[in-house]
Amino acid sequence: MKTKEDLEHQIAMLTNALESGKAHVVDYENDLATAKKKLEDINKPEITPLQFDLIQEAIETGVGNFSFDDEANYDKEFGMEYDGKVHLESLDLTCTYELVEMITKEVHKLFKEAECPEDDNSELNTQTVAEKVI
């Protein structure tokens, strides 16, 4: 039969082991997250900080060229309160495609499109001919 001191010592050892295990779990979770991020990024092309800055500037230029103060770019719904005050119920940007186009146009100016092997049209002209042999 164990004494009170033995049980207290056993509880202390198990508590320490549990805390140590929790620390390892956190380490494993961090390692797992890092590995997942590396796997996600493995096929992404690398760009320099300068290129990131140029992309950001292109986006800012595209957004800056969009006319946010043109009323025709929005759908508006008004409502009336009980005391007769008119208020704006909703405001929706209707021409997001134009904003996206402006941003995309500015970003595209930064790059030269590479030729991809998948875009080779020489395979489109090949034909398969089946012949019946008697």
N, C-alpha and C. Protein backbone atom coordinates (compact mmCIF):
# COMPACT_ATOMS: atom_id res chain seq x y z
N MET A 1 0.84 -1.18 0.00
CA MET A 1 0.00 0.00 0.00
C MET A 1 0.89 1.24 0.00
N LYS A 2 0.49 2.22 -0.85
CA LYS A 2 1.29 3.44 -0.99
C LYS A 2 0.95 4.41 0.13
N THR A 3 1.96 5.17 0.49
CA THR A 3 1.75 6.17 1.52
C THR A 3 1.29 7.46 0.88
N LYS A 4 0.89 8.38 1.73
CA LYS A 4 0.43 9.68 1.27
C LYS A 4 1.53 10.39 0.49
N GLU A 5 2.77 10.30 0.97
CA GLU A 5 3.89 10.95 0.30
C GLU A 5 4.14 10.32 -1.07
N ASP A 6 4.01 9.00 -1.17
CA ASP A 6 4.19 8.31 -2.46
C ASP A 6 3.14 8.77 -3.47
N LEU A 7 1.90 8.88 -3.01
CA LEU A 7 0.83 9.31 -3.91
C LEU A 7 1.01 10.78 -4.32
N GLU A 8 1.41 11.62 -3.39
CA GLU A 8 1.67 13.01 -3.73
C GLU A 8 2.82 13.12 -4.73
N HIS A 9 3.86 12.32 -4.52
CA HIS A 9 4.99 12.30 -5.45
C HIS A 9 4.54 11.81 -6.82
N GLN A 10 3.71 10.76 -6.84
CA GLN A 10 3.21 10.23 -8.11
C GLN A 10 2.36 11.27 -8.83
N ILE A 11 1.52 12.00 -8.09
CA ILE A 11 0.69 13.05 -8.68
C ILE A 11 1.58 14.16 -9.25
N ALA A 12 2.61 14.55 -8.52
CA ALA A 12 3.53 15.58 -9.00
C ALA A 12 4.24 15.13 -10.27
N MET A 13 4.69 13.89 -10.31
CA MET A 13 5.38 13.36 -11.50
C MET A 13 4.43 13.32 -12.70
N LEU A 14 3.20 12.86 -12.49
CA LEU A 14 2.23 12.79 -13.58
C LEU A 14 1.85 14.19 -14.07
N THR A 15 1.73 15.14 -13.15
CA THR A 15 1.43 16.52 -13.54
C THR A 15 2.56 17.09 -14.38
N ASN A 16 3.80 16.84 -13.96
CA ASN A 16 4.96 17.30 -14.74
C ASN A 16 4.99 16.65 -16.12
N ALA A 17 4.70 15.36 -16.16
CA ALA A 17 4.68 14.64 -17.44
C ALA A 17 3.59 15.20 -18.34
N LEU A 18 2.43 15.51 -17.76
CA LEU A 18 1.32 16.07 -18.53
C LEU A 18 1.69 17.45 -19.08
N GLU A 19 2.30 18.30 -18.26
CA GLU A 19 2.72 19.62 -18.71
C GLU A 19 3.77 19.51 -19.81
N SER A 20 4.69 18.60 -19.65
CA SER A 20 5.72 18.38 -20.66
C SER A 20 5.09 17.92 -21.97
N GLY A 21 4.10 17.03 -21.85
CA GLY A 21 3.39 16.54 -23.05
C GLY A 21 2.64 17.66 -23.75
N LYS A 22 2.03 18.57 -22.97
CA LYS A 22 1.32 19.70 -23.56
C LYS A 22 2.28 20.59 -24.33
N ALA A 23 3.47 20.79 -23.78
CA ALA A 23 4.47 21.61 -24.47
C ALA A 23 4.87 20.95 -25.79
N HIS A 24 5.01 19.63 -25.79
CA HIS A 24 5.35 18.92 -27.03
C HIS A 24 4.21 19.02 -28.04
N VAL A 25 2.96 18.95 -27.56
CA VAL A 25 1.81 19.06 -28.46
C VAL A 25 1.83 20.43 -29.14
N VAL A 26 2.10 21.47 -28.38
CA VAL A 26 2.16 22.82 -28.95
C VAL A 26 3.28 22.89 -29.98
N ASP A 27 4.43 22.31 -29.66
CA ASP A 27 5.55 22.29 -30.61
C ASP A 27 5.16 21.55 -31.89
N TYR A 28 4.50 20.40 -31.73
CA TYR A 28 4.08 19.62 -32.90
C TYR A 28 3.05 20.39 -33.73
N GLU A 29 2.13 21.08 -33.07
CA GLU A 29 1.14 21.87 -33.80
C GLU A 29 1.81 22.99 -34.58
N ASN A 30 2.79 23.63 -33.97
CA ASN A 30 3.52 24.69 -34.68
C ASN A 30 4.30 24.12 -35.86
N ASP A 31 4.96 22.97 -35.66
CA ASP A 31 5.69 22.32 -36.75
C ASP A 31 4.76 21.92 -37.87
N LEU A 32 3.57 21.41 -37.50
CA LEU A 32 2.58 21.01 -38.50
C LEU A 32 2.10 22.21 -39.30
N ALA A 33 1.82 23.31 -38.62
CA ALA A 33 1.37 24.52 -39.32
C ALA A 33 2.45 25.04 -40.26
N THR A 34 3.71 24.99 -39.81
CA THR A 34 4.82 25.44 -40.65
C THR A 34 4.96 24.55 -41.89
N ALA A 35 4.84 23.24 -41.69
CA ALA A 35 4.95 22.30 -42.82
C ALA A 35 3.81 22.50 -43.81
N LYS A 36 2.60 22.73 -43.30
CA LYS A 36 1.46 22.96 -44.19
C LYS A 36 1.65 24.24 -45.00
N LYS A 37 2.17 25.29 -44.35
CA LYS A 37 2.41 26.55 -45.04
C LYS A 37 3.48 26.38 -46.13
N LYS A 38 4.55 25.62 -45.81
CA LYS A 38 5.60 25.37 -46.80
C LYS A 38 5.05 24.58 -47.98
N LEU A 39 4.18 23.59 -47.71
CA LEU A 39 3.58 22.80 -48.79
C LEU A 39 2.69 23.69 -49.65
N GLU A 40 1.95 24.57 -49.02
CA GLU A 40 1.08 25.48 -49.76
C GLU A 40 1.89 26.42 -50.65
N ASP A 41 3.05 26.84 -50.15
CA ASP A 41 3.87 27.81 -50.87
C ASP A 41 4.87 27.19 -51.84
N ILE A 42 4.99 25.87 -51.88
CA ILE A 42 6.07 25.21 -52.63
C ILE A 42 6.04 25.54 -54.11
N ASN A 43 4.85 25.68 -54.70
CA ASN A 43 4.76 25.93 -56.14
C ASN A 43 4.52 27.39 -56.49
N LYS A 44 4.49 28.24 -55.48
CA LYS A 44 4.29 29.65 -55.76
C LYS A 44 5.59 30.26 -56.28
N PRO A 45 5.48 31.11 -57.27
CA PRO A 45 6.71 31.78 -57.72
C PRO A 45 7.17 32.77 -56.65
N GLU A 46 8.45 32.92 -56.54
CA GLU A 46 9.01 33.86 -55.55
C GLU A 46 9.17 35.22 -56.19
N ILE A 47 8.84 36.24 -55.42
CA ILE A 47 9.06 37.60 -55.88
C ILE A 47 9.79 38.36 -54.78
N THR A 48 10.45 39.40 -55.19
CA THR A 48 11.25 40.20 -54.26
C THR A 48 10.35 41.19 -53.52
N PRO A 49 10.85 41.74 -52.42
CA PRO A 49 10.08 42.79 -51.73
C PRO A 49 9.78 43.98 -52.63
N LEU A 50 10.70 44.31 -53.53
CA LEU A 50 10.44 45.40 -54.47
C LEU A 50 9.25 45.06 -55.37
N GLN A 51 9.17 43.81 -55.83
CA GLN A 51 8.05 43.42 -56.67
C GLN A 51 6.73 43.46 -55.89
N PHE A 52 6.77 43.06 -54.61
CA PHE A 52 5.57 43.19 -53.78
C PHE A 52 5.14 44.65 -53.70
N ASP A 53 6.11 45.55 -53.51
CA ASP A 53 5.80 46.97 -53.44
C ASP A 53 5.20 47.48 -54.75
N LEU A 54 5.74 47.01 -55.87
CA LEU A 54 5.21 47.43 -57.17
C LEU A 54 3.78 46.94 -57.36
N ILE A 55 3.49 45.73 -56.92
CA ILE A 55 2.13 45.21 -57.02
C ILE A 55 1.19 46.04 -56.16
N GLN A 56 1.62 46.35 -54.95
CA GLN A 56 0.79 47.17 -54.07
C GLN A 56 0.52 48.53 -54.69
N GLU A 57 1.54 49.14 -55.26
CA GLU A 57 1.37 50.44 -55.91
C GLU A 57 0.42 50.34 -57.11
N ALA A 58 0.50 49.25 -57.85
CA ALA A 58 -0.39 49.06 -58.99
C ALA A 58 -1.83 48.94 -58.52
N ILE A 59 -2.05 48.21 -57.44
CA ILE A 59 -3.40 48.08 -56.90
C ILE A 59 -3.90 49.43 -56.42
N GLU A 60 -3.05 50.16 -55.71
CA GLU A 60 -3.43 51.49 -55.25
C GLU A 60 -3.78 52.40 -56.42
N THR A 61 -3.03 52.31 -57.51
CA THR A 61 -3.31 53.12 -58.70
C THR A 61 -4.64 52.73 -59.31
N GLY A 62 -4.89 51.42 -59.40
CA GLY A 62 -6.16 50.94 -59.95
C GLY A 62 -7.34 51.40 -59.12
N VAL A 63 -7.22 51.29 -57.82
CA VAL A 63 -8.30 51.74 -56.93
C VAL A 63 -8.42 53.25 -56.99
N GLY A 64 -7.30 53.93 -57.07
CA GLY A 64 -7.32 55.39 -57.13
C GLY A 64 -7.97 55.92 -58.38
N ASN A 65 -7.90 55.17 -59.48
CA ASN A 65 -8.50 55.61 -60.74
C ASN A 65 -10.01 55.35 -60.79
N PHE A 66 -10.52 54.57 -59.86
CA PHE A 66 -11.95 54.26 -59.85
C PHE A 66 -12.72 55.44 -59.25
N SER A 67 -13.83 55.75 -59.83
CA SER A 67 -14.62 56.89 -59.37
C SER A 67 -15.62 56.43 -58.31
N PHE A 68 -15.20 56.49 -57.05
CA PHE A 68 -16.07 56.08 -55.96
C PHE A 68 -17.18 57.10 -55.69
N ASP A 69 -17.00 58.33 -56.15
CA ASP A 69 -18.01 59.35 -55.88
C ASP A 69 -19.05 59.48 -56.99
N ASP A 70 -19.00 58.62 -57.99
CA ASP A 70 -20.00 58.62 -59.06
C ASP A 70 -21.24 57.87 -58.57
N GLU A 71 -22.35 58.57 -58.47
CA GLU A 71 -23.58 57.97 -57.95
C GLU A 71 -24.07 56.79 -58.79
N ALA A 72 -23.74 56.77 -60.07
CA ALA A 72 -24.21 55.70 -60.94
C ALA A 72 -23.56 54.36 -60.61
N ASN A 73 -22.48 54.38 -59.83
CA ASN A 73 -21.81 53.14 -59.47
C ASN A 73 -22.47 52.40 -58.30
N TYR A 74 -23.55 52.93 -57.78
CA TYR A 74 -24.17 52.36 -56.58
C TYR A 74 -25.66 52.15 -56.77
N ASP A 75 -26.18 51.11 -56.13
CA ASP A 75 -27.61 50.92 -55.95
C ASP A 75 -27.92 51.37 -54.53
N LYS A 76 -28.91 52.24 -54.42
CA LYS A 76 -29.24 52.79 -53.11
C LYS A 76 -30.69 52.46 -52.78
N GLU A 77 -30.93 52.15 -51.53
CA GLU A 77 -32.29 51.96 -51.04
C GLU A 77 -32.48 52.85 -49.83
N PHE A 78 -33.55 53.64 -49.88
CA PHE A 78 -33.83 54.56 -48.79
C PHE A 78 -35.01 54.05 -47.99
N GLY A 79 -35.07 54.48 -46.77
CA GLY A 79 -36.18 54.14 -45.91
C GLY A 79 -36.60 55.37 -45.14
N MET A 80 -37.78 55.26 -44.50
CA MET A 80 -38.27 56.39 -43.73
C MET A 80 -38.55 55.93 -42.31
N GLU A 81 -38.08 56.70 -41.38
CA GLU A 81 -38.30 56.39 -39.98
C GLU A 81 -39.66 56.91 -39.55
N TYR A 82 -40.10 56.53 -38.35
CA TYR A 82 -41.41 56.93 -37.85
C TYR A 82 -41.56 58.44 -37.70
N ASP A 83 -40.46 59.11 -37.43
CA ASP A 83 -40.54 60.57 -37.24
C ASP A 83 -40.39 61.33 -38.56
N GLY A 84 -40.39 60.61 -39.69
CA GLY A 84 -40.35 61.25 -41.00
C GLY A 84 -38.96 61.46 -41.55
N LYS A 85 -37.94 61.03 -40.85
CA LYS A 85 -36.58 61.17 -41.34
C LYS A 85 -36.29 60.10 -42.39
N VAL A 86 -35.66 60.52 -43.46
CA VAL A 86 -35.24 59.59 -44.52
C VAL A 86 -33.83 59.12 -44.20
N HIS A 87 -33.61 57.82 -44.35
CA HIS A 87 -32.27 57.27 -44.11
C HIS A 87 -31.92 56.28 -45.21
N LEU A 88 -30.65 56.05 -45.33
CA LEU A 88 -30.14 55.12 -46.34
C LEU A 88 -30.17 53.71 -45.76
N GLU A 89 -30.98 52.83 -46.35
CA GLU A 89 -31.11 51.46 -45.85
C GLU A 89 -29.95 50.60 -46.32
N SER A 90 -29.59 50.74 -47.61
CA SER A 90 -28.48 49.94 -48.13
C SER A 90 -27.81 50.70 -49.26
N LEU A 91 -26.54 50.37 -49.42
CA LEU A 91 -25.73 50.97 -50.48
C LEU A 91 -24.86 49.86 -51.06
N ASP A 92 -25.07 49.52 -52.32
CA ASP A 92 -24.33 48.43 -52.95
C ASP A 92 -23.52 48.97 -54.13
N LEU A 93 -22.27 48.58 -54.19
CA LEU A 93 -21.42 48.92 -55.32
C LEU A 93 -21.80 47.99 -56.47
N THR A 94 -22.29 48.56 -57.55
CA THR A 94 -22.84 47.76 -58.64
C THR A 94 -21.83 47.38 -59.71
N CYS A 95 -20.77 48.13 -59.85
CA CYS A 95 -19.84 47.88 -60.95
C CYS A 95 -18.49 47.43 -60.42
N THR A 96 -18.50 46.40 -59.61
CA THR A 96 -17.24 45.89 -59.06
C THR A 96 -16.33 45.38 -60.16
N TYR A 97 -16.92 44.89 -61.24
CA TYR A 97 -16.11 44.39 -62.35
C TYR A 97 -15.21 45.48 -62.91
N GLU A 98 -15.69 46.72 -62.95
CA GLU A 98 -14.87 47.82 -63.45
C GLU A 98 -13.69 48.08 -62.51
N LEU A 99 -13.94 48.00 -61.22
CA LEU A 99 -12.87 48.18 -60.24
C LEU A 99 -11.84 47.07 -60.39
N VAL A 100 -12.31 45.85 -60.52
CA VAL A 100 -11.40 44.71 -60.70
C VAL A 100 -10.61 44.87 -61.99
N GLU A 101 -11.25 45.32 -63.05
CA GLU A 101 -10.56 45.53 -64.33
C GLU A 101 -9.46 46.57 -64.20
N MET A 102 -9.74 47.65 -63.49
CA MET A 102 -8.73 48.70 -63.33
C MET A 102 -7.53 48.19 -62.54
N ILE A 103 -7.81 47.43 -61.49
CA ILE A 103 -6.71 46.87 -60.69
C ILE A 103 -5.92 45.87 -61.51
N THR A 104 -6.62 44.97 -62.19
CA THR A 104 -5.97 43.94 -63.00
C THR A 104 -5.12 44.57 -64.09
N LYS A 105 -5.63 45.60 -64.72
CA LYS A 105 -4.88 46.29 -65.79
C LYS A 105 -3.57 46.84 -65.26
N GLU A 106 -3.61 47.45 -64.09
CA GLU A 106 -2.39 48.01 -63.51
C GLU A 106 -1.39 46.92 -63.11
N VAL A 107 -1.89 45.81 -62.56
CA VAL A 107 -1.00 44.72 -62.16
C VAL A 107 -0.41 44.04 -63.39
N HIS A 108 -1.21 43.87 -64.44
CA HIS A 108 -0.70 43.24 -65.67
C HIS A 108 0.42 44.04 -66.30
N LYS A 109 0.43 45.35 -66.10
CA LYS A 109 1.50 46.18 -66.66
C LYS A 109 2.86 45.83 -66.06
N LEU A 110 2.87 45.18 -64.91
CA LEU A 110 4.12 44.85 -64.22
C LEU A 110 4.79 43.58 -64.75
N PHE A 111 4.04 42.78 -65.50
CA PHE A 111 4.55 41.46 -65.88
C PHE A 111 4.55 41.27 -67.38
N LYS A 112 5.38 40.34 -67.80
CA LYS A 112 5.39 39.85 -69.17
C LYS A 112 4.86 38.43 -69.10
N GLU A 113 3.89 38.10 -69.92
CA GLU A 113 3.29 36.78 -69.86
C GLU A 113 4.25 35.74 -70.43
N ALA A 114 4.47 34.69 -69.66
CA ALA A 114 5.36 33.62 -70.09
C ALA A 114 4.59 32.64 -70.97
N GLU A 115 5.33 32.00 -71.84
CA GLU A 115 4.70 30.96 -72.66
C GLU A 115 4.71 29.66 -71.88
N CYS A 116 3.57 29.02 -71.87
CA CYS A 116 3.44 27.76 -71.13
C CYS A 116 3.40 26.60 -72.11
N PRO A 117 3.99 25.48 -71.74
CA PRO A 117 3.93 24.31 -72.62
C PRO A 117 2.51 23.86 -72.91
N GLU A 118 1.59 24.11 -71.97
CA GLU A 118 0.20 23.69 -72.18
C GLU A 118 -0.46 24.50 -73.29
N ASP A 119 0.07 25.70 -73.57
CA ASP A 119 -0.53 26.56 -74.57
C ASP A 119 -0.07 26.22 -75.99
N ASP A 120 0.76 25.22 -76.15
CA ASP A 120 1.26 24.83 -77.47
C ASP A 120 0.10 24.26 -78.28
N ASN A 121 -0.24 24.89 -79.40
CA ASN A 121 -1.37 24.47 -80.21
C ASN A 121 -1.01 23.43 -81.25
N SER A 122 0.24 22.96 -81.28
CA SER A 122 0.63 22.01 -82.32
C SER A 122 -0.09 20.69 -82.15
N GLU A 123 -0.50 20.36 -80.94
CA GLU A 123 -1.21 19.10 -80.72
C GLU A 123 -2.65 19.16 -81.22
N LEU A 124 -3.17 20.36 -81.42
CA LEU A 124 -4.55 20.48 -81.86
C LEU A 124 -4.74 20.01 -83.29
N ASN A 125 -3.68 20.00 -84.09
CA ASN A 125 -3.80 19.63 -85.50
C ASN A 125 -3.56 18.16 -85.75
N THR A 126 -3.31 17.39 -84.75
CA THR A 126 -3.09 15.96 -84.96
C THR A 126 -4.43 15.26 -84.96
N GLN A 127 -4.52 14.22 -85.78
CA GLN A 127 -5.75 13.44 -85.86
C GLN A 127 -5.43 11.98 -85.66
N THR A 128 -6.38 11.30 -85.09
CA THR A 128 -6.26 9.85 -84.95
C THR A 128 -7.15 9.22 -86.00
N VAL A 129 -6.56 8.31 -86.78
CA VAL A 129 -7.31 7.67 -87.85
C VAL A 129 -7.43 6.19 -87.51
N ALA A 130 -8.65 5.71 -87.54
CA ALA A 130 -8.87 4.28 -87.29
C ALA A 130 -9.25 3.64 -88.63
N GLU A 131 -8.59 2.52 -88.94
CA GLU A 131 -8.89 1.82 -90.19
C GLU A 131 -9.42 0.44 -89.87
N LYS A 132 -10.35 0.00 -90.69
CA LYS A 132 -10.90 -1.34 -90.52
C LYS A 132 -10.17 -2.27 -91.46
N VAL A 133 -9.51 -3.28 -90.90
CA VAL A 133 -8.76 -4.22 -91.70
C VAL A 133 -9.58 -5.50 -91.81
N ILE A 134 -9.76 -6.00 -93.06
CA ILE A 134 -10.52 -7.24 -93.26
C ILE A 134 -9.59 -8.33 -93.71
